[in-house]
Amino acid sequence: MPYTMTWLVDKRVLHIVLEGELTAELIHNMVLQSREMTRMGIRPVHAVADATHAESIPKHINTIVREYQEVKPEDNGFTVLIATSPLTRFFTQLLFRALRLEVRFAATVDDALAILGRIDPTLPHSPKIAN
């Protein structure tokens, strides 16, 4: 499966792991699932997206823009991206800036949780991994 989506911190932080080749249809399905989980969560819902093993993210920028064009910045928490590709980081930063969404970058999940802990003091101090 090209992606998995679970709660990293129950109903507060989504954990999205992207692997392999992504298609427009997979991105659409992932966005629908993330919107549903966010709706069921406790606002603000943040996301940690691990794209270290993903391919083709930059070539699907137009698809991602279409999927998120109706999202209001005030409806979302922060997204922390874990990515080793400078190209992925660059395009992600441009995309999130254009959509007026907040993004930060981290090297690991632990680093991402530390960043979110500094940004959002309402998050539990020692988050437990949710399945």
C-alpha atoms as a PDB file:
ATOM      1  CA  MET A   1       0.000   0.000   0.000  1.00  0.00           C
ATOM      2  CA  PRO A   2       1.449   3.384  -0.978  1.00  0.00           C
ATOM      3  CA  TYR A   3       0.311   5.038   2.259  1.00  0.00           C
ATOM      4  CA  THR A   4      -0.887   4.277   5.760  1.00  0.00           C
ATOM      5  CA  MET A   5      -2.746   6.650   8.043  1.00  0.00           C
ATOM      6  CA  THR A   6      -3.127   6.159  11.788  1.00  0.00           C
ATOM      7  CA  TRP A   7      -3.294   8.268  14.931  1.00  0.00           C
ATOM      8  CA  LEU A   8       0.134   9.046  16.344  1.00  0.00           C
ATOM      9  CA  VAL A   9      -1.515  10.878  19.240  1.00  0.00           C
ATOM     10  CA  ASP A  10      -5.121   9.755  19.610  1.00  0.00           C
ATOM     11  CA  LYS A  11      -7.471  12.170  17.799  1.00  0.00           C
ATOM     12  CA  ARG A  12      -4.818  14.915  17.826  1.00  0.00           C
ATOM     13  CA  VAL A  13      -1.932  13.961  15.510  1.00  0.00           C
ATOM     14  CA  LEU A  14      -2.288  11.977  12.299  1.00  0.00           C
ATOM     15  CA  HIS A  15       0.620   9.826  11.185  1.00  0.00           C
ATOM     16  CA  ILE A  16       0.797   9.444   7.419  1.00  0.00           C
ATOM     17  CA  VAL A  17       3.491   7.239   5.919  1.00  0.00           C
ATOM     18  CA  LEU A  18       3.930   7.501   2.151  1.00  0.00           C
ATOM     19  CA  GLU A  19       5.743   4.749   0.262  1.00  0.00           C
ATOM     20  CA  GLY A  20       6.511   4.120  -3.366  1.00  0.00           C
ATOM     21  CA  GLU A  21       4.727   5.550  -6.363  1.00  0.00           C
ATOM     22  CA  LEU A  22       1.795   7.858  -5.677  1.00  0.00           C
ATOM     23  CA  THR A  23      -0.979   8.359  -8.214  1.00  0.00           C
ATOM     24  CA  ALA A  24      -3.586  11.087  -8.449  1.00  0.00           C
ATOM     25  CA  GLU A  25      -6.259   8.603  -7.328  1.00  0.00           C
ATOM     26  CA  LEU A  26      -4.237   7.561  -4.270  1.00  0.00           C
ATOM     27  CA  ILE A  27      -3.677  11.202  -3.329  1.00  0.00           C
ATOM     28  CA  HIS A  28      -7.421  11.844  -3.660  1.00  0.00           C
ATOM     29  CA  ASN A  29      -8.240   8.854  -1.422  1.00  0.00           C
ATOM     30  CA  MET A  30      -5.597   9.879   1.113  1.00  0.00           C
ATOM     31  CA  VAL A  31      -7.026  13.411   1.304  1.00  0.00           C
ATOM     32  CA  LEU A  32     -10.557  12.055   1.791  1.00  0.00           C
ATOM     33  CA  GLN A  33      -9.369   9.775   4.593  1.00  0.00           C
ATOM     34  CA  SER A  34      -7.399  12.566   6.277  1.00  0.00           C
ATOM     35  CA  ARG A  35     -10.427  14.885   6.140  1.00  0.00           C
ATOM     36  CA  GLU A  36     -12.634  12.210   7.726  1.00  0.00           C
ATOM     37  CA  MET A  37     -10.118  11.477  10.475  1.00  0.00           C
ATOM     38  CA  THR A  38      -9.644  15.206  11.085  1.00  0.00           C
ATOM     39  CA  ARG A  39     -13.415  15.627  11.365  1.00  0.00           C
ATOM     40  CA  MET A  40     -13.476  12.909  14.047  1.00  0.00           C
ATOM     41  CA  GLY A  41     -10.471  14.374  15.863  1.00  0.00           C
ATOM     42  CA  ILE A  42     -10.049  17.074  18.495  1.00  0.00           C
ATOM     43  CA  ARG A  43      -9.070  20.393  16.929  1.00  0.00           C
ATOM     44  CA  PRO A  44      -6.540  21.415  16.058  1.00  0.00           C
ATOM     45  CA  VAL A  45      -5.566  18.137  14.413  1.00  0.00           C
ATOM     46  CA  HIS A  46      -1.930  18.096  13.331  1.00  0.00           C
ATOM     47  CA  ALA A  47      -0.197  15.695  10.958  1.00  0.00           C
ATOM     48  CA  VAL A  48       3.205  14.060  10.756  1.00  0.00           C
ATOM     49  CA  ALA A  49       3.828  12.944   7.175  1.00  0.00           C
ATOM     50  CA  ASP A  50       6.773  10.647   6.497  1.00  0.00           C
ATOM     51  CA  ALA A  51       7.708  10.916   2.828  1.00  0.00           C
ATOM     52  CA  THR A  52      11.192   9.415   3.091  1.00  0.00           C
ATOM     53  CA  HIS A  53      10.179   6.459   0.900  1.00  0.00           C
ATOM     54  CA  ALA A  54       7.691   8.205  -1.386  1.00  0.00           C
ATOM     55  CA  GLU A  55       8.163   8.782  -5.093  1.00  0.00           C
ATOM     56  CA  SER A  56       6.583  11.259  -7.508  1.00  0.00           C
ATOM     57  CA  ILE A  57       5.327  13.845  -5.031  1.00  0.00           C
ATOM     58  CA  PRO A  58       6.559  16.830  -7.098  1.00  0.00           C
ATOM     59  CA  LYS A  59       4.852  15.590 -10.272  1.00  0.00           C
ATOM     60  CA  HIS A  60       1.472  15.521  -8.471  1.00  0.00           C
ATOM     61  CA  ILE A  61       1.579  19.102  -7.204  1.00  0.00           C
ATOM     62  CA  ASN A  62      -1.444  20.099  -9.347  1.00  0.00           C
ATOM     63  CA  THR A  63      -3.487  17.211  -7.926  1.00  0.00           C
ATOM     64  CA  ILE A  64      -2.563  18.175  -4.379  1.00  0.00           C
ATOM     65  CA  VAL A  65      -3.480  21.823  -5.006  1.00  0.00           C
ATOM     66  CA  ARG A  66      -6.909  20.773  -6.372  1.00  0.00           C
ATOM     67  CA  GLU A  67      -7.541  18.546  -3.359  1.00  0.00           C
ATOM     68  CA  TYR A  68      -6.645  21.247  -0.826  1.00  0.00           C
ATOM     69  CA  GLN A  69      -7.891  24.408  -2.554  1.00  0.00           C
ATOM     70  CA  GLU A  70     -11.064  24.549  -0.439  1.00  0.00           C
ATOM     71  CA  VAL A  71      -9.289  23.928   2.854  1.00  0.00           C
ATOM     72  CA  LYS A  72      -9.218  26.969   5.093  1.00  0.00           C
ATOM     73  CA  PRO A  73      -5.979  27.535   7.025  1.00  0.00           C
ATOM     74  CA  GLU A  74      -7.891  28.068  10.278  1.00  0.00           C
ATOM     75  CA  ASP A  75      -9.422  24.574   9.949  1.00  0.00           C
ATOM     76  CA  ASN A  76      -6.054  22.827  10.182  1.00  0.00           C
ATOM     77  CA  GLY A  77      -3.233  22.286  12.583  1.00  0.00           C
ATOM     78  CA  PHE A  78       0.397  22.085  11.557  1.00  0.00           C
ATOM     79  CA  THR A  79       1.888  19.490   9.250  1.00  0.00           C
ATOM     80  CA  VAL A  80       5.395  18.264   9.986  1.00  0.00           C
ATOM     81  CA  LEU A  81       7.046  16.600   7.009  1.00  0.00           C
ATOM     82  CA  ILE A  82       9.793  14.031   7.309  1.00  0.00           C
ATOM     83  CA  ALA A  83      11.563  13.976   3.940  1.00  0.00           C
ATOM     84  CA  THR A  84      15.135  13.430   2.848  1.00  0.00           C
ATOM     85  CA  SER A  85      14.676  14.694  -0.700  1.00  0.00           C
ATOM     86  CA  PRO A  86      15.520  18.393  -1.040  1.00  0.00           C
ATOM     87  CA  LEU A  87      13.172  18.549  -4.049  1.00  0.00           C
ATOM     88  CA  THR A  88      10.243  17.177  -2.034  1.00  0.00           C
ATOM     89  CA  ARG A  89      10.964  19.610   0.797  1.00  0.00           C
ATOM     90  CA  PHE A  90      11.187  22.541  -1.627  1.00  0.00           C
ATOM     91  CA  PHE A  91       7.929  21.749  -3.443  1.00  0.00           C
ATOM     92  CA  THR A  92       6.140  21.028  -0.179  1.00  0.00           C
ATOM     93  CA  GLN A  93       7.182  24.377   1.241  1.00  0.00           C
ATOM     94  CA  LEU A  94       6.018  26.198  -1.905  1.00  0.00           C
ATOM     95  CA  LEU A  95       2.741  24.292  -1.958  1.00  0.00           C
ATOM     96  CA  PHE A  96       1.900  24.873   1.697  1.00  0.00           C
ATOM     97  CA  ARG A  97       2.820  28.551   1.426  1.00  0.00           C
ATOM     98  CA  ALA A  98       0.532  28.959  -1.600  1.00  0.00           C
ATOM     99  CA  LEU A  99      -2.299  27.210   0.273  1.00  0.00           C
ATOM    100  CA  ARG A 100      -1.621  29.286   3.414  1.00  0.00           C
ATOM    101  CA  LEU A 101      -1.101  26.106   5.462  1.00  0.00           C
ATOM    102  CA  GLU A 102       1.555  25.664   8.135  1.00  0.00           C
ATOM    103  CA  VAL A 103       4.391  23.200   7.530  1.00  0.00           C
ATOM    104  CA  ARG A 104       7.560  22.368   9.418  1.00  0.00           C
ATOM    105  CA  PHE A 105      10.288  19.844   8.639  1.00  0.00           C
ATOM    106  CA  ALA A 106      11.823  17.198  10.866  1.00  0.00           C
ATOM    107  CA  ALA A 107      14.288  14.323  10.603  1.00  0.00           C
ATOM    108  CA  THR A 108      12.343  11.766  12.672  1.00  0.00           C
ATOM    109  CA  VAL A 109       8.918  11.153  14.199  1.00  0.00           C
ATOM    110  CA  ASP A 110      10.314  12.037  17.638  1.00  0.00           C
ATOM    111  CA  ASP A 111      11.614  15.353  16.272  1.00  0.00           C
ATOM    112  CA  ALA A 112       8.214  15.999  14.665  1.00  0.00           C
ATOM    113  CA  LEU A 113       6.422  15.378  17.973  1.00  0.00           C
ATOM    114  CA  ALA A 114       8.850  17.720  19.748  1.00  0.00           C
ATOM    115  CA  ILE A 115       8.109  20.452  17.195  1.00  0.00           C
ATOM    116  CA  LEU A 116       4.354  19.973  17.599  1.00  0.00           C
ATOM    117  CA  GLY A 117       4.740  20.011  21.384  1.00  0.00           C
ATOM    118  CA  ARG A 118       6.382  23.440  21.171  1.00  0.00           C
ATOM    119  CA  ILE A 119       3.767  24.753  18.725  1.00  0.00           C
ATOM    120  CA  ASP A 120       0.696  23.386  20.518  1.00  0.00           C
ATOM    121  CA  PRO A 121       0.864  23.325  24.325  1.00  0.00           C
ATOM    122  CA  THR A 122      -2.493  21.504  24.455  1.00  0.00           C
ATOM    123  CA  LEU A 123      -0.888  18.293  23.141  1.00  0.00           C
ATOM    124  CA  PRO A 124      -0.040  15.655  25.772  1.00  0.00           C
ATOM    125  CA  HIS A 125       3.575  15.995  26.923  1.00  0.00           C
ATOM    126  CA  SER A 126       4.358  12.347  26.465  1.00  0.00           C
ATOM    127  CA  PRO A 127       2.227  11.248  23.561  1.00  0.00           C
ATOM    128  CA  LYS A 128       1.523   7.578  23.214  1.00  0.00           C
ATOM    129  CA  ILE A 129       1.465   5.892  19.894  1.00  0.00           C
ATOM    130  CA  ALA A 130      -2.129   5.072  18.925  1.00  0.00           C
ATOM    131  CA  ASN A 131      -3.014   2.270  16.548  1.00  0.00           C
END
